[in-house]
Amino acid sequence: MQYYTSPFNKEIELKFPKKITIYDTTLRDGEQTPGVCLDKQEKLEIAKKLDEFRIHQIEVGFPIVSKHEKDTVSTIAHEGLNADVLCLARTKISDINAALDCDVDGIITFMGTSDLHLEHKMHITRQEALNTCMKSIEYAKDHGLFVAFSAEDATRTDLDYLKRMYKKAESYGVDRVHVADTTGAITPQGMTFLIKELRKEINTNIALHCHNDFGLAVTNSIAGLLAGANDVSTTINGIGERAGNASLEELVMSLKLLYGKDLGFKTKIIKELSEMVSKDTGLEVPYNKPVVGKNIFRHESGIHVDAVIEEPLTYEPYLPELVGQKRQLVLGKHSGCRAVKAKLDDCGYNVTKDQLCKIVKRVKEKREEGQYINDDVFKDIIRNIDEPIDP
């Protein structure tokens, strides 16, 4: 048995779309994390690893930003990946031409649609915004691109206007519309309502681009899928502006194990993907980060360790190998005899019961003195026990 989740999950009837597309935006929105700048080789390596993971689509950059960015997008587009290669473009002909020069499979073109954005960022009317968006969609479709239209700040946009914008985009042949929760300001219940309302009006695919300002990006994404959306935007390690985006690893593993929706991804390389992005961006993964954090499969508490040694799923919802992790038993102030005995066995030491008790006592003391019990400290404890211990 590789995982064991709550049986109550199956008591609720849920309806996901038959096909779910995950498009990863680590290389575009993830790179907008303050202080992060990926070079061409780093982006290429991450894109290739995402392709190995079997991701469906990769948003690889924003080519109009710079000559270097355009060259990077073009390089990835010509790498021969199985994943569709997308890039970002404003609703400007110059941006779309830059994407065409790169030979990408498609674009995500965007415009703020909330009154907040229209008034204070772009200084245009709703009708002017609609006209500009449709011209861009028409131009991109005429040039053979896959076109997704993203309504920036969609979750704070007037509903009737949002419906009008998406319906018009659909009539212009857009392949997908994106609901961008730009400031992470919607609840799962609000997302459910919004997607159901949009589904009354449009038939084209709906994608979700959720930010994590309130820690709800993954939850909102799943709520949106259950309400009728088809596709989800993610980033590795959940990186991105402010609190980041919906985490690829959290979304994929939640769908696979909690909801029984296996999208065919090669989950065993999740940890490798996470470490690659962490190294290239310089953003350390929090120790308690779900799925990929260092502490997710580490156990110290004596009660926990005793149970985990006998059956790992007592304190793990799934086995670490599923995501490329390894289990670790950590010695510290909460360790008991069984954990210390397991560590002694790993090191090849045979001890008496009395010796074991002394070692456990010293392990606790050392940790409370502020020392981390690594292999060297542990062996030093063994050497300093009064009576000799047989190796």
Protein backbone atom coordinates (compact mmCIF):
# COMPACT_ATOMS: atom_id res chain seq x y z
CA MET A 1 0.00 0.00 0.00
CA GLN A 2 1.52 3.32 -1.13
CA TYR A 3 -0.99 5.71 0.43
CA TYR A 4 -3.90 5.76 2.83
CA THR A 5 -6.23 8.75 2.86
CA SER A 6 -9.52 9.29 4.67
CA PRO A 7 -12.30 6.93 3.57
CA PHE A 8 -14.76 9.78 4.06
CA ASN A 9 -13.38 11.40 0.88
CA LYS A 10 -15.25 8.80 -1.14
CA GLU A 11 -18.57 9.51 0.54
CA ILE A 12 -19.00 12.74 -1.43
CA GLU A 13 -19.90 12.61 -5.12
CA LEU A 14 -17.68 15.01 -7.05
CA LYS A 15 -17.59 15.72 -10.75
CA PHE A 16 -14.32 16.75 -12.35
CA PRO A 17 -14.01 17.54 -16.06
CA LYS A 18 -13.01 14.55 -18.21
CA LYS A 19 -9.82 16.31 -19.25
CA ILE A 20 -7.78 18.62 -17.04
CA THR A 21 -4.85 20.57 -18.44
CA ILE A 22 -2.10 21.84 -16.16
CA TYR A 23 -0.06 24.69 -17.61
CA ASP A 24 2.96 25.57 -15.53
CA THR A 25 4.09 29.17 -15.30
CA THR A 26 7.21 28.81 -13.15
CA LEU A 27 9.31 30.26 -15.96
CA ARG A 28 7.07 33.30 -16.40
CA ASP A 29 4.98 34.19 -13.34
CA GLY A 30 7.34 32.31 -11.05
CA GLU A 31 10.24 34.38 -12.36
CA GLN A 32 8.33 37.52 -11.39
CA THR A 33 9.14 36.67 -7.78
CA PRO A 34 11.09 39.72 -6.54
CA GLY A 35 14.83 39.12 -6.86
CA VAL A 36 14.56 36.15 -9.23
CA CYS A 37 16.14 36.18 -12.70
CA LEU A 38 16.70 32.92 -14.56
CA ASP A 39 19.23 32.66 -17.39
CA LYS A 40 18.58 30.80 -20.63
CA GLN A 41 20.26 27.58 -19.57
CA GLU A 42 18.38 27.47 -16.28
CA LYS A 43 15.06 28.04 -18.00
CA LEU A 44 15.85 25.38 -20.57
CA GLU A 45 16.79 22.83 -17.91
CA ILE A 46 13.61 23.49 -15.92
CA ALA A 47 11.49 23.28 -19.10
CA LYS A 48 13.07 19.94 -20.01
CA LYS A 49 12.49 18.60 -16.49
CA LEU A 50 8.85 19.75 -16.62
CA ASP A 51 8.56 17.93 -19.93
CA GLU A 52 10.01 14.80 -18.32
CA PHE A 53 7.36 15.24 -15.62
CA ARG A 54 4.87 15.14 -18.54
CA ILE A 55 3.38 18.56 -17.92
CA HIS A 56 0.79 19.51 -20.53
CA GLN A 57 1.78 23.10 -21.26
CA ILE A 58 4.65 25.38 -20.21
CA GLU A 59 4.39 29.16 -20.15
CA VAL A 60 8.07 29.86 -20.75
CA GLY A 61 8.34 33.64 -20.66
CA PHE A 62 7.38 37.09 -21.88
CA PRO A 63 9.37 37.70 -25.09
CA ILE A 64 8.67 41.42 -25.45
CA VAL A 65 10.49 42.09 -22.15
CA SER A 66 14.00 41.94 -23.62
CA LYS A 67 16.13 40.56 -26.43
CA HIS A 68 17.55 37.96 -24.05
CA GLU A 69 14.07 36.86 -22.94
CA LYS A 70 12.93 36.56 -26.55
CA ASP A 71 15.97 34.44 -27.40
CA THR A 72 15.27 32.19 -24.40
CA VAL A 73 11.62 31.70 -25.35
CA SER A 74 12.64 30.89 -28.92
CA THR A 75 15.27 28.40 -27.78
CA ILE A 76 12.77 26.49 -25.63
CA ALA A 77 10.15 26.59 -28.40
CA HIS A 78 12.64 24.90 -30.76
CA GLU A 79 13.76 22.27 -28.21
CA GLY A 80 11.22 19.71 -29.45
CA LEU A 81 9.38 19.27 -26.14
CA ASN A 82 6.25 17.18 -25.94
CA ALA A 83 4.57 19.90 -23.88
CA ASP A 84 2.96 22.84 -25.67
CA VAL A 85 5.12 25.93 -25.35
CA LEU A 86 3.22 29.13 -24.52
CA CYS A 87 4.33 32.67 -23.80
CA LEU A 88 2.74 35.80 -22.41
CA ALA A 89 1.69 38.71 -24.59
CA ARG A 90 -0.10 41.94 -23.84
CA THR A 91 -3.03 42.86 -26.06
CA LYS A 92 -0.60 44.56 -28.42
CA ILE A 93 0.31 43.56 -31.96
CA SER A 94 4.01 44.07 -31.16
CA ASP A 95 3.81 41.51 -28.34
CA ILE A 96 2.03 38.98 -30.53
CA ASN A 97 4.59 39.47 -33.31
CA ALA A 98 7.37 38.81 -30.80
CA ALA A 99 5.65 35.55 -29.87
CA LEU A 100 5.30 34.62 -33.55
CA ASP A 101 9.02 35.29 -34.06
CA CYS A 102 9.74 32.77 -31.30
CA ASP A 103 7.62 30.09 -33.01
CA VAL A 104 5.70 29.21 -29.85
CA ASP A 105 2.59 27.03 -29.95
CA GLY A 106 0.42 29.68 -28.38
CA ILE A 107 0.04 32.80 -26.30
CA ILE A 108 -1.70 33.93 -23.16
CA THR A 109 -2.79 37.49 -23.78
CA PHE A 110 -4.15 39.52 -20.92
CA MET A 111 -5.78 42.72 -19.81
CA GLY A 112 -7.07 43.96 -16.45
CA THR A 113 -10.87 43.91 -16.47
CA SER A 114 -11.80 45.14 -13.01
CA ASP A 115 -12.83 48.78 -12.70
CA LEU A 116 -9.91 49.13 -10.30
CA HIS A 117 -7.46 48.19 -13.06
CA LEU A 118 -9.27 49.99 -15.87
CA GLU A 119 -9.42 53.27 -13.96
CA HIS A 120 -6.14 53.32 -12.06
CA LYS A 121 -3.77 51.30 -14.24
CA MET A 122 -4.87 51.65 -17.86
CA HIS A 123 -7.11 54.73 -17.73
CA ILE A 124 -9.53 53.36 -20.33
CA THR A 125 -13.24 52.50 -20.46
CA ARG A 126 -14.74 49.04 -20.39
CA GLN A 127 -15.66 49.29 -24.08
CA GLU A 128 -12.16 50.39 -25.05
CA ALA A 129 -10.71 47.43 -23.18
CA LEU A 130 -13.11 45.03 -24.88
CA ASN A 131 -12.31 46.37 -28.34
CA THR A 132 -8.55 46.15 -27.76
CA CYS A 133 -8.77 42.57 -26.49
CA MET A 134 -10.85 41.37 -29.44
CA LYS A 135 -8.49 42.90 -32.00
CA SER A 136 -5.58 41.10 -30.38
CA ILE A 137 -7.37 37.76 -30.20
CA GLU A 138 -8.42 38.09 -33.84
CA TYR A 139 -4.87 38.93 -34.94
CA ALA A 140 -3.32 36.02 -33.03
CA LYS A 141 -5.90 33.52 -34.30
CA ASP A 142 -5.41 34.73 -37.86
CA HIS A 143 -1.73 33.84 -37.45
CA GLY A 144 -2.41 30.28 -36.34
CA LEU A 145 -1.68 30.54 -32.63
CA PHE A 146 -3.38 28.80 -29.72
CA VAL A 147 -4.88 31.78 -27.90
CA ALA A 148 -5.83 32.03 -24.26
CA PHE A 149 -7.32 35.27 -23.02
CA SER A 150 -6.74 36.12 -19.37
CA ALA A 151 -8.93 38.63 -17.59
CA GLU A 152 -6.53 40.04 -15.03
CA ASP A 153 -8.20 40.67 -11.67
CA ALA A 154 -11.20 38.67 -12.92
CA THR A 155 -12.31 37.81 -9.39
CA ARG A 156 -12.85 41.51 -8.63
CA THR A 157 -14.49 42.31 -11.97
CA ASP A 158 -18.17 43.16 -12.47
CA LEU A 159 -19.79 39.80 -13.32
CA ASP A 160 -21.92 41.02 -16.23
CA TYR A 161 -18.94 42.73 -17.82
CA LEU A 162 -16.75 39.64 -17.30
CA LYS A 163 -19.37 37.45 -18.97
CA ARG A 164 -19.61 39.91 -21.85
CA MET A 165 -15.82 39.93 -22.28
CA TYR A 166 -15.54 36.14 -22.29
CA LYS A 167 -18.55 35.64 -24.59
CA LYS A 168 -17.09 38.10 -27.06
CA ALA A 169 -13.70 36.36 -26.88
CA GLU A 170 -15.43 33.05 -27.55
CA SER A 171 -17.12 34.50 -30.62
CA TYR A 172 -13.66 35.57 -31.87
CA GLY A 173 -12.44 31.97 -31.66
CA VAL A 174 -10.38 32.11 -28.44
CA ASP A 175 -9.20 28.65 -27.35
CA ARG A 176 -9.42 29.28 -23.63
CA VAL A 177 -10.36 32.02 -21.18
CA HIS A 178 -8.50 32.51 -17.92
CA VAL A 179 -9.96 33.54 -14.59
CA ALA A 180 -7.09 35.32 -12.86
CA ASP A 181 -7.44 35.67 -9.11
CA THR A 182 -4.71 38.29 -9.24
CA THR A 183 -4.65 39.16 -5.55
CA GLY A 184 -5.85 35.84 -4.17
CA ALA A 185 -9.00 37.63 -3.03
CA ILE A 186 -11.66 34.99 -3.70
CA THR A 187 -12.85 32.15 -1.47
CA PRO A 188 -13.47 28.57 -2.66
CA GLN A 189 -17.20 29.22 -2.36
CA GLY A 190 -16.84 32.43 -4.35
CA MET A 191 -14.87 30.59 -7.03
CA THR A 192 -17.56 27.91 -7.22
CA PHE A 193 -20.22 30.57 -7.73
CA LEU A 194 -18.18 32.45 -10.34
CA ILE A 195 -17.33 29.43 -12.49
CA LYS A 196 -20.90 28.16 -12.42
CA GLU A 197 -22.13 31.59 -13.51
CA LEU A 198 -19.61 31.72 -16.36
CA ARG A 199 -20.56 28.22 -17.46
CA LYS A 200 -24.12 29.45 -18.03
CA GLU A 201 -22.80 31.76 -20.73
CA ILE A 202 -19.71 30.23 -22.34
CA ASN A 203 -18.69 26.82 -23.68
CA THR A 204 -14.98 27.35 -24.25
CA ASN A 205 -12.39 25.99 -21.82
CA ILE A 206 -11.96 27.93 -18.59
CA ALA A 207 -8.58 28.08 -16.86
CA LEU A 208 -7.79 29.16 -13.32
CA HIS A 209 -4.80 31.31 -12.39
CA CYS A 210 -4.85 31.57 -8.60
CA HIS A 211 -2.54 33.55 -6.35
CA ASN A 212 -1.90 32.48 -2.77
CA ASP A 213 -2.28 35.66 -0.72
CA PHE A 214 -4.59 33.92 1.75
CA GLY A 215 -3.14 30.43 1.33
CA LEU A 216 -6.11 29.30 -0.80
CA ALA A 217 -4.58 29.05 -4.29
CA VAL A 218 -4.70 25.24 -4.50
CA THR A 219 -8.08 25.02 -2.78
CA ASN A 220 -9.55 27.66 -5.09
CA SER A 221 -8.14 25.81 -8.11
CA ILE A 222 -9.78 22.54 -7.07
CA ALA A 223 -13.05 24.32 -6.28
CA GLY A 224 -12.98 25.88 -9.75
CA LEU A 225 -12.40 22.51 -11.43
CA LEU A 226 -15.32 20.98 -9.57
CA ALA A 227 -17.51 23.90 -10.63
CA GLY A 228 -16.80 23.47 -14.34
CA ALA A 229 -13.35 24.85 -15.16
CA ASN A 230 -10.97 22.69 -17.19
CA ASP A 231 -7.43 23.93 -16.72
CA VAL A 232 -5.16 25.19 -13.94
CA SER A 233 -2.04 27.34 -13.76
CA THR A 234 0.72 26.29 -11.35
CA THR A 235 4.29 27.03 -10.33
CA ILE A 236 6.89 24.69 -8.86
CA ASN A 237 7.23 25.27 -5.09
CA GLY A 238 4.33 27.71 -5.43
CA ILE A 239 6.69 30.58 -6.24
CA GLY A 240 5.49 33.86 -7.70
CA GLU A 241 4.72 37.41 -6.78
CA ARG A 242 3.90 38.16 -3.12
CA ALA A 243 2.67 34.86 -1.59
CA GLY A 244 3.10 33.01 -4.87
CA ASN A 245 0.84 30.90 -7.07
CA ALA A 246 -0.93 27.56 -6.84
CA SER A 247 1.76 24.98 -6.10
CA LEU A 248 2.25 22.36 -8.82
CA GLU A 249 3.23 19.62 -6.39
CA GLU A 250 0.40 20.31 -3.94
CA LEU A 251 -2.25 20.45 -6.65
CA VAL A 252 -1.06 17.33 -8.48
CA MET A 253 -0.74 15.19 -5.35
CA SER A 254 -4.06 16.41 -3.92
CA LEU A 255 -5.85 15.57 -7.15
CA LYS A 256 -4.13 12.19 -7.42
CA LEU A 257 -4.42 10.90 -3.86
CA LEU A 258 -7.26 12.82 -2.20
CA TYR A 259 -9.60 13.07 -5.19
CA GLY A 260 -8.53 10.04 -7.24
CA LYS A 261 -7.79 12.17 -10.31
CA ASP A 262 -4.48 10.86 -11.66
CA LEU A 263 -3.34 13.07 -14.54
CA GLY A 264 -0.48 10.76 -15.56
CA PHE A 265 2.39 12.86 -14.26
CA LYS A 266 5.74 11.33 -13.31
CA THR A 267 5.43 12.25 -9.65
CA LYS A 268 8.67 10.53 -8.62
CA ILE A 269 10.65 13.48 -9.98
CA ILE A 270 8.70 16.11 -8.02
CA LYS A 271 11.43 16.49 -5.41
CA GLU A 272 14.06 16.79 -8.14
CA LEU A 273 12.02 19.50 -9.85
CA SER A 274 11.61 21.33 -6.57
CA GLU A 275 15.33 21.26 -5.78
CA MET A 276 16.23 22.44 -9.28
CA VAL A 277 13.93 25.46 -9.06
CA SER A 278 15.07 26.23 -5.53
CA LYS A 279 18.72 26.19 -6.59
CA ASP A 280 18.21 28.26 -9.73
CA THR A 281 15.99 30.88 -8.08
CA GLY A 282 17.84 31.04 -4.78
CA LEU A 283 14.51 30.59 -2.97
CA GLU A 284 14.82 28.08 -0.14
CA VAL A 285 11.92 25.67 0.25
CA PRO A 286 10.38 25.96 3.74
CA TYR A 287 11.05 22.84 5.81
CA ASN A 288 7.32 22.35 6.38
CA LYS A 289 6.32 22.94 2.73
CA PRO A 290 3.77 20.25 1.76
CA VAL A 291 5.07 17.45 -0.49
CA VAL A 292 8.63 18.78 -1.01
CA GLY A 293 9.72 20.21 2.36
CA LYS A 294 12.60 18.53 4.22
CA ASN A 295 10.43 17.77 7.25
CA ILE A 296 7.53 16.13 5.43
CA PHE A 297 8.90 12.61 5.93
CA ARG A 298 11.12 13.23 8.97
CA HIS A 299 10.06 11.86 12.35
CA GLU A 300 11.45 12.55 15.83
CA SER A 301 8.69 11.96 18.39
CA GLY A 302 9.18 8.59 20.06
CA ILE A 303 5.50 7.67 19.81
CA HIS A 304 5.47 8.50 16.10
CA VAL A 305 8.75 6.77 15.34
CA ASP A 306 7.67 3.55 17.06
CA ALA A 307 4.59 3.41 14.87
CA VAL A 308 6.36 4.48 11.66
CA ILE A 309 8.98 1.75 12.04
CA GLU A 310 6.20 -0.81 12.12
CA GLU A 311 3.88 0.81 9.55
CA PRO A 312 4.88 4.13 7.87
CA LEU A 313 1.30 5.03 6.94
CA THR A 314 0.41 5.49 10.59
CA TYR A 315 1.95 8.96 10.38
CA GLU A 316 2.33 9.48 6.62
CA PRO A 317 -0.57 9.86 4.18
CA TYR A 318 1.58 8.39 1.39
CA LEU A 319 5.03 6.89 1.01
CA PRO A 320 7.88 9.36 0.31
CA GLU A 321 9.05 7.45 -2.77
CA LEU A 322 5.92 8.61 -4.62
CA VAL A 323 7.38 12.12 -4.83
CA GLY A 324 11.10 11.29 -4.84
CA GLN A 325 11.54 11.85 -1.10
CA LYS A 326 13.11 9.60 1.57
CA ARG A 327 12.02 8.91 5.11
CA GLN A 328 14.30 10.05 7.93
CA LEU A 329 14.21 9.19 11.61
CA VAL A 330 15.62 12.15 13.50
CA LEU A 331 17.11 11.85 16.99
CA GLY A 332 16.29 14.52 19.55
CA LYS A 333 14.66 15.28 22.88
CA HIS A 334 11.50 13.40 21.89
CA SER A 335 13.30 10.23 20.79
CA GLY A 336 12.62 6.89 22.46
CA CYS A 337 14.48 3.62 22.70
CA ARG A 338 13.12 2.21 19.46
CA ALA A 339 14.33 5.14 17.37
CA VAL A 340 17.79 5.08 18.94
CA LYS A 341 17.95 1.29 18.52
CA ALA A 342 17.08 1.64 14.83
CA LYS A 343 19.88 4.22 14.43
CA LEU A 344 22.34 1.93 16.27
CA ASP A 345 21.38 -0.93 13.96
CA ASP A 346 21.96 1.28 10.92
CA CYS A 347 25.43 2.12 12.27
CA GLY A 348 26.18 -1.53 13.02
CA TYR A 349 26.33 -1.37 16.84
CA ASN A 350 25.12 -4.05 19.24
CA VAL A 351 24.14 -2.74 22.67
CA THR A 352 22.70 -4.02 25.91
CA LYS A 353 19.43 -2.68 27.29
CA ASP A 354 21.33 -0.70 29.91
CA GLN A 355 23.63 0.81 27.27
CA LEU A 356 20.63 1.71 25.13
CA CYS A 357 18.99 3.56 28.03
CA LYS A 358 22.17 5.53 28.66
CA ILE A 359 22.49 6.47 25.00
CA VAL A 360 18.83 7.60 24.84
CA LYS A 361 19.35 9.73 27.95
CA ARG A 362 22.48 11.34 26.49
CA VAL A 363 20.79 12.00 23.12
CA LYS A 364 18.05 13.95 24.90
CA GLU A 365 20.57 15.89 26.97
CA LYS A 366 22.72 16.80 23.97
CA ARG A 367 19.71 18.05 22.01
CA GLU A 368 18.46 20.15 24.92
CA GLU A 369 21.96 21.62 25.16
CA GLY A 370 21.45 22.88 21.61
CA GLN A 371 23.34 20.27 19.62
CA TYR A 372 21.79 18.74 16.52
CA ILE A 373 22.22 14.95 16.67
CA ASN A 374 23.97 14.23 13.39
CA ASP A 375 26.02 11.08 12.74
CA ASP A 376 29.21 12.52 14.21
CA VAL A 377 27.50 13.64 17.43
CA PHE A 378 25.72 10.29 17.72
CA LYS A 379 28.96 8.33 17.35
CA ASP A 380 30.62 10.60 19.89
CA ILE A 381 27.84 9.78 22.36
CA ILE A 382 28.43 6.08 21.78
CA ARG A 383 32.18 6.42 22.31
CA ASN A 384 31.64 8.22 25.62
CA ILE A 385 29.33 5.65 27.17
CA ASP A 386 31.05 4.19 30.29
CA GLU A 387 31.15 0.60 29.09
CA PRO A 388 32.50 -0.53 25.72
CA ILE A 389 30.00 -1.14 22.89
CA ASP A 390 30.60 -3.89 20.35
CA PRO A 391 30.63 -2.73 16.73
